[in-house]
Amino acid sequence: SRLWNEGDLPAIKRLAKSSTRAMLLLALPIVIAMVLFSGVIMRFF
């Protein structure tokens, strides 16, 4: 919101791309674990 009000679209682009790459790297191991060990995980409940 702040960057858009300042008219800094390049900064928005950099922030969006860097944050998305970081999120995907962190999320992938969690997804793999849930797919491979879904039964074990659900038994926790």
ModelCIF file with pLDDT and N, C-alpha, C, O atoms, coordinates in Angstrom:
data_MODEL
#
_entry.id   MODEL 
#
_entity.id                         1 
_entity.type                       polymer 
_entity.pdbx_number_of_molecules   1 
#
_entity_poly.entity_id                      1 
_entity_poly.type                           'polypeptide(L)' 
_entity_poly.nstd_linkage                   no 
_entity_poly.nstd_monomer                   no 
_entity_poly.pdbx_seq_one_letter_code       SRLWNEGDLPAIKRLAKSSTRAMLLLALPIVIAMVLFSGVIMRFF 
_entity_poly.pdbx_seq_one_letter_code_can   SRLWNEGDLPAIKRLAKSSTRAMLLLALPIVIAMVLFSGVIMRFF 
_entity_poly.pdbx_strand_id                 A 
#
loop_
_entity_poly_seq.entity_id 
_entity_poly_seq.num 
_entity_poly_seq.mon_id 
_entity_poly_seq.hetero 
1 1  SER n 
1 2  ARG n 
1 3  LEU n 
1 4  TRP n 
1 5  ASN n 
1 6  GLU n 
1 7  GLY n 
1 8  ASP n 
1 9  LEU n 
1 10 PRO n 
1 11 ALA n 
1 12 ILE n 
1 13 LYS n 
1 14 ARG n 
1 15 LEU n 
1 16 ALA n 
1 17 LYS n 
1 18 SER n 
1 19 SER n 
1 20 THR n 
1 21 ARG n 
1 22 ALA n 
1 23 MET n 
1 24 LEU n 
1 25 LEU n 
1 26 LEU n 
1 27 ALA n 
1 28 LEU n 
1 29 PRO n 
1 30 ILE n 
1 31 VAL n 
1 32 ILE n 
1 33 ALA n 
1 34 MET n 
1 35 VAL n 
1 36 LEU n 
1 37 PHE n 
1 38 SER n 
1 39 GLY n 
1 40 VAL n 
1 41 ILE n 
1 42 MET n 
1 43 ARG n 
1 44 PHE n 
1 45 PHE n 
#
_struct_asym.id          A 
_struct_asym.entity_id   1 
#
loop_
_ma_qa_metric.id 
_ma_qa_metric.mode 
_ma_qa_metric.name 
_ma_qa_metric.software_group_id 
_ma_qa_metric.type 
1 global pLDDT . pLDDT 
2 local  pLDDT . pLDDT 
#
_ma_qa_metric_global.metric_id      1 
_ma_qa_metric_global.metric_value   86.62 
_ma_qa_metric_global.model_id       1 
_ma_qa_metric_global.ordinal_id     1 
#
loop_
_ma_qa_metric_local.label_asym_id 
_ma_qa_metric_local.label_comp_id 
_ma_qa_metric_local.label_seq_id 
_ma_qa_metric_local.metric_id 
_ma_qa_metric_local.metric_value 
_ma_qa_metric_local.model_id 
_ma_qa_metric_local.ordinal_id 
A SER 1  2 75.00 1 1  
A ARG 2  2 79.00 1 2  
A LEU 3  2 82.00 1 3  
A TRP 4  2 82.00 1 4  
A ASN 5  2 80.00 1 5  
A GLU 6  2 81.00 1 6  
A GLY 7  2 83.00 1 7  
A ASP 8  2 83.00 1 8  
A LEU 9  2 84.00 1 9  
A PRO 10 2 87.00 1 10 
A ALA 11 2 87.00 1 11 
A ILE 12 2 85.00 1 12 
A LYS 13 2 86.00 1 13 
A ARG 14 2 87.00 1 14 
A LEU 15 2 85.00 1 15 
A ALA 16 2 84.00 1 16 
A LYS 17 2 86.00 1 17 
A SER 18 2 83.00 1 18 
A SER 19 2 82.00 1 19 
A THR 20 2 86.00 1 20 
A ARG 21 2 86.00 1 21 
A ALA 22 2 82.00 1 22 
A MET 23 2 83.00 1 23 
A LEU 24 2 85.00 1 24 
A LEU 25 2 86.00 1 25 
A LEU 26 2 83.00 1 26 
A ALA 27 2 86.00 1 27 
A LEU 28 2 89.00 1 28 
A PRO 29 2 90.00 1 29 
A ILE 30 2 89.00 1 30 
A VAL 31 2 91.00 1 31 
A ILE 32 2 93.00 1 32 
A ALA 33 2 92.00 1 33 
A MET 34 2 93.00 1 34 
A VAL 35 2 92.00 1 35 
A LEU 36 2 93.00 1 36 
A PHE 37 2 93.00 1 37 
A SER 38 2 92.00 1 38 
A GLY 39 2 91.00 1 39 
A VAL 40 2 92.00 1 40 
A ILE 41 2 92.00 1 41 
A MET 42 2 92.00 1 42 
A ARG 43 2 90.00 1 43 
A PHE 44 2 87.00 1 44 
A PHE 45 2 89.00 1 45 
#
loop_
_atom_site.group_PDB 
_atom_site.id 
_atom_site.type_symbol 
_atom_site.label_atom_id 
_atom_site.label_alt_id 
_atom_site.label_comp_id 
_atom_site.label_asym_id 
_atom_site.label_entity_id 
_atom_site.label_seq_id 
_atom_site.pdbx_PDB_ins_code 
_atom_site.Cartn_x 
_atom_site.Cartn_y 
_atom_site.Cartn_z 
_atom_site.occupancy 
_atom_site.B_iso_or_equiv 
_atom_site.pdbx_formal_charge 
_atom_site.auth_seq_id 
_atom_site.auth_comp_id 
_atom_site.auth_asym_id 
_atom_site.auth_atom_id 
_atom_site.pdbx_PDB_model_num 
ATOM 1   N N  . SER A 1 1  ? 0.826  -1.206  0.000  1.00 75.00 ? 1  SER A N  1 
ATOM 2   C CA . SER A 1 1  ? 0.000  0.000   0.000  1.00 75.00 ? 1  SER A CA 1 
ATOM 3   C C  . SER A 1 1  ? 0.866  1.264   0.000  1.00 75.00 ? 1  SER A C  1 
ATOM 4   O O  . SER A 1 1  ? 0.611  2.208   -0.748 1.00 75.00 ? 1  SER A O  1 
ATOM 5   N N  . ARG A 1 2  ? 1.891  1.260   0.853  1.00 79.00 ? 2  ARG A N  1 
ATOM 6   C CA . ARG A 1 2  ? 2.771  2.440   0.940  1.00 79.00 ? 2  ARG A CA 1 
ATOM 7   C C  . ARG A 1 2  ? 3.528  2.657   -0.360 1.00 79.00 ? 2  ARG A C  1 
ATOM 8   O O  . ARG A 1 2  ? 3.596  3.783   -0.852 1.00 79.00 ? 2  ARG A O  1 
ATOM 9   N N  . LEU A 1 3  ? 4.099  1.599   -0.924 1.00 82.00 ? 3  LEU A N  1 
ATOM 10  C CA . LEU A 1 3  ? 4.874  1.715   -2.165 1.00 82.00 ? 3  LEU A CA 1 
ATOM 11  C C  . LEU A 1 3  ? 3.993  2.146   -3.339 1.00 82.00 ? 3  LEU A C  1 
ATOM 12  O O  . LEU A 1 3  ? 4.434  2.886   -4.218 1.00 82.00 ? 3  LEU A O  1 
ATOM 13  N N  . TRP A 1 4  ? 2.748  1.677   -3.343 1.00 82.00 ? 4  TRP A N  1 
ATOM 14  C CA . TRP A 1 4  ? 1.843  2.075   -4.422 1.00 82.00 ? 4  TRP A CA 1 
ATOM 15  C C  . TRP A 1 4  ? 1.514  3.564   -4.319 1.00 82.00 ? 4  TRP A C  1 
ATOM 16  O O  . TRP A 1 4  ? 1.450  4.261   -5.331 1.00 82.00 ? 4  TRP A O  1 
ATOM 17  N N  . ASN A 1 5  ? 1.307  4.046   -3.099 1.00 80.00 ? 5  ASN A N  1 
ATOM 18  C CA . ASN A 1 5  ? 1.048  5.476   -2.903 1.00 80.00 ? 5  ASN A CA 1 
ATOM 19  C C  . ASN A 1 5  ? 2.241  6.318   -3.320 1.00 80.00 ? 5  ASN A C  1 
ATOM 20  O O  . ASN A 1 5  ? 2.081  7.453   -3.770 1.00 80.00 ? 5  ASN A O  1 
ATOM 21  N N  . GLU A 1 6  ? 3.432  5.766   -3.173 1.00 81.00 ? 6  GLU A N  1 
ATOM 22  C CA . GLU A 1 6  ? 4.664  6.474   -3.569 1.00 81.00 ? 6  GLU A CA 1 
ATOM 23  C C  . GLU A 1 6  ? 4.961  6.311   -5.055 1.00 81.00 ? 6  GLU A C  1 
ATOM 24  O O  . GLU A 1 6  ? 5.884  6.941   -5.571 1.00 81.00 ? 6  GLU A O  1 
ATOM 25  N N  . GLY A 1 7  ? 4.190  5.471   -5.751 1.00 83.00 ? 7  GLY A N  1 
ATOM 26  C CA . GLY A 1 7  ? 4.398  5.263   -7.183 1.00 83.00 ? 7  GLY A CA 1 
ATOM 27  C C  . GLY A 1 7  ? 5.613  4.423   -7.515 1.00 83.00 ? 7  GLY A C  1 
ATOM 28  O O  . GLY A 1 7  ? 6.155  4.532   -8.615 1.00 83.00 ? 7  GLY A O  1 
ATOM 29  N N  . ASP A 1 8  ? 6.054  3.584   -6.582 1.00 83.00 ? 8  ASP A N  1 
ATOM 30  C CA . ASP A 1 8  ? 7.267  2.791   -6.776 1.00 83.00 ? 8  ASP A CA 1 
ATOM 31  C C  . ASP A 1 8  ? 6.916  1.359   -7.195 1.00 83.00 ? 8  ASP A C  1 
ATOM 32  O O  . ASP A 1 8  ? 7.033  0.431   -6.395 1.00 83.00 ? 8  ASP A O  1 
ATOM 33  N N  . LEU A 1 9  ? 6.489  1.184   -8.437 1.00 84.00 ? 9  LEU A N  1 
ATOM 34  C CA . LEU A 1 9  ? 6.123  -0.138  -8.946 1.00 84.00 ? 9  LEU A CA 1 
ATOM 35  C C  . LEU A 1 9  ? 7.313  -1.098  -8.998 1.00 84.00 ? 9  LEU A C  1 
ATOM 36  O O  . LEU A 1 9  ? 7.139  -2.272  -8.672 1.00 84.00 ? 9  LEU A O  1 
ATOM 37  N N  . PRO A 1 10 ? 8.527  -0.656  -9.395 1.00 87.00 ? 10 PRO A N  1 
ATOM 38  C CA . PRO A 1 10 ? 9.665  -1.577  -9.378 1.00 87.00 ? 10 PRO A CA 1 
ATOM 39  C C  . PRO A 1 10 ? 9.931  -2.182  -8.001 1.00 87.00 ? 10 PRO A C  1 
ATOM 40  O O  . PRO A 1 10 ? 10.292 -3.354  -7.897 1.00 87.00 ? 10 PRO A O  1 
ATOM 41  N N  . ALA A 1 11 ? 9.754  -1.387  -6.944 1.00 87.00 ? 11 ALA A N  1 
ATOM 42  C CA . ALA A 1 11 ? 9.966  -1.911  -5.594 1.00 87.00 ? 11 ALA A CA 1 
ATOM 43  C C  . ALA A 1 11 ? 8.893  -2.946  -5.243 1.00 87.00 ? 11 ALA A C  1 
ATOM 44  O O  . ALA A 1 11 ? 9.186  -3.948  -4.591 1.00 87.00 ? 11 ALA A O  1 
ATOM 45  N N  . ILE A 1 12 ? 7.657  -2.704  -5.674 1.00 85.00 ? 12 ILE A N  1 
ATOM 46  C CA . ILE A 1 12 ? 6.589  -3.684  -5.452 1.00 85.00 ? 12 ILE A CA 1 
ATOM 47  C C  . ILE A 1 12 ? 6.930  -4.991  -6.153 1.00 85.00 ? 12 ILE A C  1 
ATOM 48  O O  . ILE A 1 12 ? 6.757  -6.069  -5.583 1.00 85.00 ? 12 ILE A O  1 
ATOM 49  N N  . LYS A 1 13 ? 7.410  -4.900  -7.376 1.00 86.00 ? 13 LYS A N  1 
ATOM 50  C CA . LYS A 1 13 ? 7.779  -6.091  -8.151 1.00 86.00 ? 13 LYS A CA 1 
ATOM 51  C C  . LYS A 1 13 ? 8.885  -6.873  -7.456 1.00 86.00 ? 13 LYS A C  1 
ATOM 52  O O  . LYS A 1 13 ? 8.803  -8.094  -7.326 1.00 86.00 ? 13 LYS A O  1 
ATOM 53  N N  . ARG A 1 14 ? 9.921  -6.165  -7.009 1.00 87.00 ? 14 ARG A N  1 
ATOM 54  C CA . ARG A 1 14 ? 11.044 -6.847  -6.327 1.00 87.00 ? 14 ARG A CA 1 
ATOM 55  C C  . ARG A 1 14 ? 10.564 -7.525  -5.047 1.00 87.00 ? 14 ARG A C  1 
ATOM 56  O O  . ARG A 1 14 ? 10.925 -8.668  -4.769 1.00 87.00 ? 14 ARG A O  1 
ATOM 57  N N  . LEU A 1 15 ? 9.753  -6.818  -4.276 1.00 85.00 ? 15 LEU A N  1 
ATOM 58  C CA . LEU A 1 15 ? 9.265  -7.370  -3.016 1.00 85.00 ? 15 LEU A CA 1 
ATOM 59  C C  . LEU A 1 15 ? 8.385  -8.592  -3.266 1.00 85.00 ? 15 LEU A C  1 
ATOM 60  O O  . LEU A 1 15 ? 8.500  -9.594  -2.559 1.00 85.00 ? 15 LEU A O  1 
ATOM 61  N N  . ALA A 1 16 ? 7.512  -8.514  -4.263 1.00 84.00 ? 16 ALA A N  1 
ATOM 62  C CA . ALA A 1 16 ? 6.613  -9.630  -4.566 1.00 84.00 ? 16 ALA A CA 1 
ATOM 63  C C  . ALA A 1 16 ? 7.384  -10.856 -5.026 1.00 84.00 ? 16 ALA A C  1 
ATOM 64  O O  . ALA A 1 16 ? 7.103  -11.968 -4.578 1.00 84.00 ? 16 ALA A O  1 
ATOM 65  N N  . LYS A 1 17 ? 8.343  -10.669 -5.906 1.00 86.00 ? 17 LYS A N  1 
ATOM 66  C CA . LYS A 1 17 ? 9.096  -11.806 -6.444 1.00 86.00 ? 17 LYS A CA 1 
ATOM 67  C C  . LYS A 1 17 ? 9.981  -12.459 -5.379 1.00 86.00 ? 17 LYS A C  1 
ATOM 68  O O  . LYS A 1 17 ? 10.024 -13.684 -5.273 1.00 86.00 ? 17 LYS A O  1 
ATOM 69  N N  . SER A 1 18 ? 10.675 -11.655 -4.604 1.00 83.00 ? 18 SER A N  1 
ATOM 70  C CA . SER A 1 18 ? 11.577 -12.224 -3.586 1.00 83.00 ? 18 SER A CA 1 
ATOM 71  C C  . SER A 1 18 ? 10.782 -12.954 -2.506 1.00 83.00 ? 18 SER A C  1 
ATOM 72  O O  . SER A 1 18 ? 11.195 -14.017 -2.043 1.00 83.00 ? 18 SER A O  1 
ATOM 73  N N  . SER A 1 19 ? 9.654  -12.393 -2.105 1.00 82.00 ? 19 SER A N  1 
ATOM 74  C CA . SER A 1 19 ? 8.856  -13.034 -1.060 1.00 82.00 ? 19 SER A CA 1 
ATOM 75  C C  . SER A 1 19 ? 8.221  -14.327 -1.567 1.00 82.00 ? 19 SER A C  1 
ATOM 76  O O  . SER A 1 19 ? 8.118  -15.294 -0.812 1.00 82.00 ? 19 SER A O  1 
ATOM 77  N N  . THR A 1 20 ? 7.793  -14.364 -2.830 1.00 86.00 ? 20 THR A N  1 
ATOM 78  C CA . THR A 1 20 ? 7.175  -15.572 -3.384 1.00 86.00 ? 20 THR A CA 1 
ATOM 79  C C  . THR A 1 20 ? 8.181  -16.705 -3.498 1.00 86.00 ? 20 THR A C  1 
ATOM 80  O O  . THR A 1 20 ? 7.869  -17.848 -3.162 1.00 86.00 ? 20 THR A O  1 
ATOM 81  N N  . ARG A 1 21 ? 9.385  -16.402 -3.968 1.00 86.00 ? 21 ARG A N  1 
ATOM 82  C CA . ARG A 1 21 ? 10.423 -17.443 -4.058 1.00 86.00 ? 21 ARG A CA 1 
ATOM 83  C C  . ARG A 1 21 ? 10.740 -18.022 -2.683 1.00 86.00 ? 21 ARG A C  1 
ATOM 84  O O  . ARG A 1 21 ? 10.874 -19.235 -2.523 1.00 86.00 ? 21 ARG A O  1 
ATOM 85  N N  . ALA A 1 22 ? 10.857 -17.148 -1.707 1.00 82.00 ? 22 ALA A N  1 
ATOM 86  C CA . ALA A 1 22 ? 11.164 -17.619 -0.348 1.00 82.00 ? 22 ALA A CA 1 
ATOM 87  C C  . ALA A 1 22 ? 10.026 -18.488 0.195  1.00 82.00 ? 22 ALA A C  1 
ATOM 88  O O  . ALA A 1 22 ? 10.277 -19.513 0.827  1.00 82.00 ? 22 ALA A O  1 
ATOM 89  N N  . MET A 1 23 ? 8.783  -18.082 -0.050 1.00 83.00 ? 23 MET A N  1 
ATOM 90  C CA . MET A 1 23 ? 7.638  -18.847 0.440  1.00 83.00 ? 23 MET A CA 1 
ATOM 91  C C  . MET A 1 23 ? 7.585  -20.236 -0.181 1.00 83.00 ? 23 MET A C  1 
ATOM 92  O O  . MET A 1 23 ? 7.306  -21.220 0.504  1.00 83.00 ? 23 MET A O  1 
ATOM 93  N N  . LEU A 1 24 ? 7.854  -20.312 -1.486 1.00 85.00 ? 24 LEU A N  1 
ATOM 94  C CA . LEU A 1 24 ? 7.785  -21.601 -2.175 1.00 85.00 ? 24 LEU A CA 1 
ATOM 95  C C  . LEU A 1 24 ? 8.867  -22.555 -1.679 1.00 85.00 ? 24 LEU A C  1 
ATOM 96  O O  . LEU A 1 24 ? 8.621  -23.750 -1.512 1.00 85.00 ? 24 LEU A O  1 
ATOM 97  N N  . LEU A 1 25 ? 10.048 -22.032 -1.446 1.00 86.00 ? 25 LEU A N  1 
ATOM 98  C CA . LEU A 1 25 ? 11.140 -22.864 -0.931 1.00 86.00 ? 25 LEU A CA 1 
ATOM 99  C C  . LEU A 1 25 ? 10.806 -23.421 0.458  1.00 86.00 ? 25 LEU A C  1 
ATOM 100 O O  . LEU A 1 25 ? 11.149 -24.561 0.771  1.00 86.00 ? 25 LEU A O  1 
ATOM 101 N N  . LEU A 1 26 ? 10.145 -22.625 1.274  1.00 83.00 ? 26 LEU A N  1 
ATOM 102 C CA . LEU A 1 26 ? 9.779  -23.073 2.611  1.00 83.00 ? 26 LEU A CA 1 
ATOM 103 C C  . LEU A 1 26 ? 8.600  -24.043 2.588  1.00 83.00 ? 26 LEU A C  1 
ATOM 104 O O  . LEU A 1 26 ? 8.520  -24.944 3.423  1.00 83.00 ? 26 LEU A O  1 
ATOM 105 N N  . ALA A 1 27 ? 7.687  -23.860 1.637  1.00 86.00 ? 27 ALA A N  1 
ATOM 106 C CA . ALA A 1 27 ? 6.474  -24.672 1.612  1.00 86.00 ? 27 ALA A CA 1 
ATOM 107 C C  . ALA A 1 27 ? 6.684  -26.056 1.001  1.00 86.00 ? 27 ALA A C  1 
ATOM 108 O O  . ALA A 1 27 ? 6.025  -27.011 1.411  1.00 86.00 ? 27 ALA A O  1 
ATOM 109 N N  . LEU A 1 28 ? 7.587  -26.184 0.032  1.00 89.00 ? 28 LEU A N  1 
ATOM 110 C CA . LEU A 1 28 ? 7.763  -27.453 -0.676 1.00 89.00 ? 28 LEU A CA 1 
ATOM 111 C C  . LEU A 1 28 ? 8.071  -28.636 0.244  1.00 89.00 ? 28 LEU A C  1 
ATOM 112 O O  . LEU A 1 28 ? 7.458  -29.691 0.080  1.00 89.00 ? 28 LEU A O  1 
ATOM 113 N N  . PRO A 1 29 ? 8.997  -28.510 1.208  1.00 90.00 ? 29 PRO A N  1 
ATOM 114 C CA . PRO A 1 29 ? 9.257  -29.654 2.095  1.00 90.00 ? 29 PRO A CA 1 
ATOM 115 C C  . PRO A 1 29 ? 8.022  -30.077 2.900  1.00 90.00 ? 29 PRO A C  1 
ATOM 116 O O  . PRO A 1 29 ? 7.830  -31.263 3.169  1.00 90.00 ? 29 PRO A O  1 
ATOM 117 N N  . ILE A 1 30 ? 7.190  -29.107 3.280  1.00 89.00 ? 30 ILE A N  1 
ATOM 118 C CA . ILE A 1 30 ? 5.988  -29.425 4.043  1.00 89.00 ? 30 ILE A CA 1 
ATOM 119 C C  . ILE A 1 30 ? 5.015  -30.228 3.182  1.00 89.00 ? 30 ILE A C  1 
ATOM 120 O O  . ILE A 1 30 ? 4.419  -31.196 3.652  1.00 89.00 ? 30 ILE A O  1 
ATOM 121 N N  . VAL A 1 31 ? 4.857  -29.822 1.916  1.00 91.00 ? 31 VAL A N  1 
ATOM 122 C CA . VAL A 1 31 ? 3.961  -30.527 1.006  1.00 91.00 ? 31 VAL A CA 1 
ATOM 123 C C  . VAL A 1 31 ? 4.431  -31.957 0.780  1.00 91.00 ? 31 VAL A C  1 
ATOM 124 O O  . VAL A 1 31 ? 3.636  -32.896 0.822  1.00 91.00 ? 31 VAL A O  1 
ATOM 125 N N  . ILE A 1 32 ? 5.721  -32.115 0.540  1.00 93.00 ? 32 ILE A N  1 
ATOM 126 C CA . ILE A 1 32 ? 6.277  -33.454 0.302  1.00 93.00 ? 32 ILE A CA 1 
ATOM 127 C C  . ILE A 1 32 ? 6.038  -34.354 1.504  1.00 93.00 ? 32 ILE A C  1 
ATOM 128 O O  . ILE A 1 32 ? 5.668  -35.518 1.349  1.00 93.00 ? 32 ILE A O  1 
ATOM 129 N N  . ALA A 1 33 ? 6.250  -33.813 2.711  1.00 92.00 ? 33 ALA A N  1 
ATOM 130 C CA . ALA A 1 33 ? 6.032  -34.608 3.929  1.00 92.00 ? 33 ALA A CA 1 
ATOM 131 C C  . ALA A 1 33 ? 4.569  -35.004 4.062  1.00 92.00 ? 33 ALA A C  1 
ATOM 132 O O  . ALA A 1 33 ? 4.267  -36.132 4.453  1.00 92.00 ? 33 ALA A O  1 
ATOM 133 N N  . MET A 1 34 ? 3.654  -34.090 3.740  1.00 93.00 ? 34 MET A N  1 
ATOM 134 C CA . MET A 1 34 ? 2.234  -34.408 3.870  1.00 93.00 ? 34 MET A CA 1 
ATOM 135 C C  . MET A 1 34 ? 1.794  -35.456 2.862  1.00 93.00 ? 34 MET A C  1 
ATOM 136 O O  . MET A 1 34 ? 0.933  -36.282 3.164  1.00 93.00 ? 34 MET A O  1 
ATOM 137 N N  . VAL A 1 35 ? 2.371  -35.433 1.678  1.00 92.00 ? 35 VAL A N  1 
ATOM 138 C CA . VAL A 1 35 ? 2.012  -36.428 0.659  1.00 92.00 ? 35 VAL A CA 1 
ATOM 139 C C  . VAL A 1 35 ? 2.568  -37.800 1.025  1.00 92.00 ? 35 VAL A C  1 
ATOM 140 O O  . VAL A 1 35 ? 1.868  -38.806 0.908  1.00 92.00 ? 35 VAL A O  1 
ATOM 141 N N  . LEU A 1 36 ? 3.813  -37.843 1.464  1.00 93.00 ? 36 LEU A N  1 
ATOM 142 C CA . LEU A 1 36 ? 4.465  -39.127 1.757  1.00 93.00 ? 36 LEU A CA 1 
ATOM 143 C C  . LEU A 1 36 ? 3.978  -39.756 3.062  1.00 93.00 ? 36 LEU A C  1 
ATOM 144 O O  . LEU A 1 36 ? 3.914  -40.981 3.175  1.00 93.00 ? 36 LEU A O  1 
ATOM 145 N N  . PHE A 1 37 ? 3.636  -38.928 4.043  1.00 93.00 ? 37 PHE A N  1 
ATOM 146 C CA . PHE A 1 37 ? 3.278  -39.460 5.364  1.00 93.00 ? 37 PHE A CA 1 
ATOM 147 C C  . PHE A 1 37 ? 1.867  -39.033 5.780  1.00 93.00 ? 37 PHE A C  1 
ATOM 148 O O  . PHE A 1 37 ? 1.610  -38.783 6.958  1.00 93.00 ? 37 PHE A O  1 
ATOM 149 N N  . SER A 1 38 ? 0.975  -38.955 4.822  1.00 92.00 ? 38 SER A N  1 
ATOM 150 C CA . SER A 1 38 ? -0.384 -38.464 5.099  1.00 92.00 ? 38 SER A CA 1 
ATOM 151 C C  . SER A 1 38 ? -1.110 -39.308 6.138  1.00 92.00 ? 38 SER A C  1 
ATOM 152 O O  . SER A 1 38 ? -1.782 -38.766 7.015  1.00 92.00 ? 38 SER A O  1 
ATOM 153 N N  . GLY A 1 39 ? -0.982 -40.634 6.049  1.00 91.00 ? 39 GLY A N  1 
ATOM 154 C CA . GLY A 1 39 ? -1.658 -41.506 7.004  1.00 91.00 ? 39 GLY A CA 1 
ATOM 155 C C  . GLY A 1 39 ? -1.139 -41.330 8.417  1.00 91.00 ? 39 GLY A C  1 
ATOM 156 O O  . GLY A 1 39 ? -1.918 -41.278 9.368  1.00 91.00 ? 39 GLY A O  1 
ATOM 157 N N  . VAL A 1 40 ? 0.175  -41.238 8.557  1.00 92.00 ? 40 VAL A N  1 
ATOM 158 C CA . VAL A 1 40 ? 0.794  -41.044 9.876  1.00 92.00 ? 40 VAL A CA 1 
ATOM 159 C C  . VAL A 1 40 ? 0.354  -39.713 10.482 1.00 92.00 ? 40 VAL A C  1 
ATOM 160 O O  . VAL A 1 40 ? 0.035  -39.629 11.668 1.00 92.00 ? 40 VAL A O  1 
ATOM 161 N N  . ILE A 1 41 ? 0.345  -38.685 9.653  1.00 92.00 ? 41 ILE A N  1 
ATOM 162 C CA . ILE A 1 41 ? -0.039 -37.357 10.136 1.00 92.00 ? 41 ILE A CA 1 
ATOM 163 C C  . ILE A 1 41 ? -1.490 -37.335 10.600 1.00 92.00 ? 41 ILE A C  1 
ATOM 164 O O  . ILE A 1 41 ? -1.795 -36.780 11.656 1.00 92.00 ? 41 ILE A O  1 
ATOM 165 N N  . MET A 1 42 ? -2.383 -37.932 9.821  1.00 92.00 ? 42 MET A N  1 
ATOM 166 C CA . MET A 1 42 ? -3.801 -37.920 10.182 1.00 92.00 ? 42 MET A CA 1 
ATOM 167 C C  . MET A 1 42 ? -4.082 -38.756 11.427 1.00 92.00 ? 42 MET A C  1 
ATOM 168 O O  . MET A 1 42 ? -5.026 -38.470 12.163 1.00 92.00 ? 42 MET A O  1 
ATOM 169 N N  . ARG A 1 43 ? -3.281 -39.774 11.668 1.00 90.00 ? 43 ARG A N  1 
ATOM 170 C CA . ARG A 1 43 ? -3.467 -40.613 12.851 1.00 90.00 ? 43 ARG A CA 1 
ATOM 171 C C  . ARG A 1 43 ? -3.220 -39.820 14.133 1.00 90.00 ? 43 ARG A C  1 
ATOM 172 O O  . ARG A 1 43 ? -3.663 -40.219 15.210 1.00 90.00 ? 43 ARG A O  1 
ATOM 173 N N  . PHE A 1 44 ? -2.523 -38.711 14.016 1.00 87.00 ? 44 PHE A N  1 
ATOM 174 C CA . PHE A 1 44 ? -2.265 -37.847 15.163 1.00 87.00 ? 44 PHE A CA 1 
ATOM 175 C C  . PHE A 1 44 ? -3.570 -37.353 15.796 1.00 87.00 ? 44 PHE A C  1 
ATOM 176 O O  . PHE A 1 44 ? -3.608 -37.063 16.992 1.00 87.00 ? 44 PHE A O  1 
ATOM 177 N N  . PHE A 1 45 ? -4.638 -37.257 14.995 1.00 89.00 ? 45 PHE A N  1 
ATOM 178 C CA . PHE A 1 45 ? -5.910 -36.741 15.483 1.00 89.00 ? 45 PHE A CA 1 
ATOM 179 C C  . PHE A 1 45 ? -6.755 -37.799 16.176 1.00 89.00 ? 45 PHE A C  1 
ATOM 180 O O  . PHE A 1 45 ? -7.857 -37.503 16.638 1.00 89.00 ? 45 PHE A O  1 
#
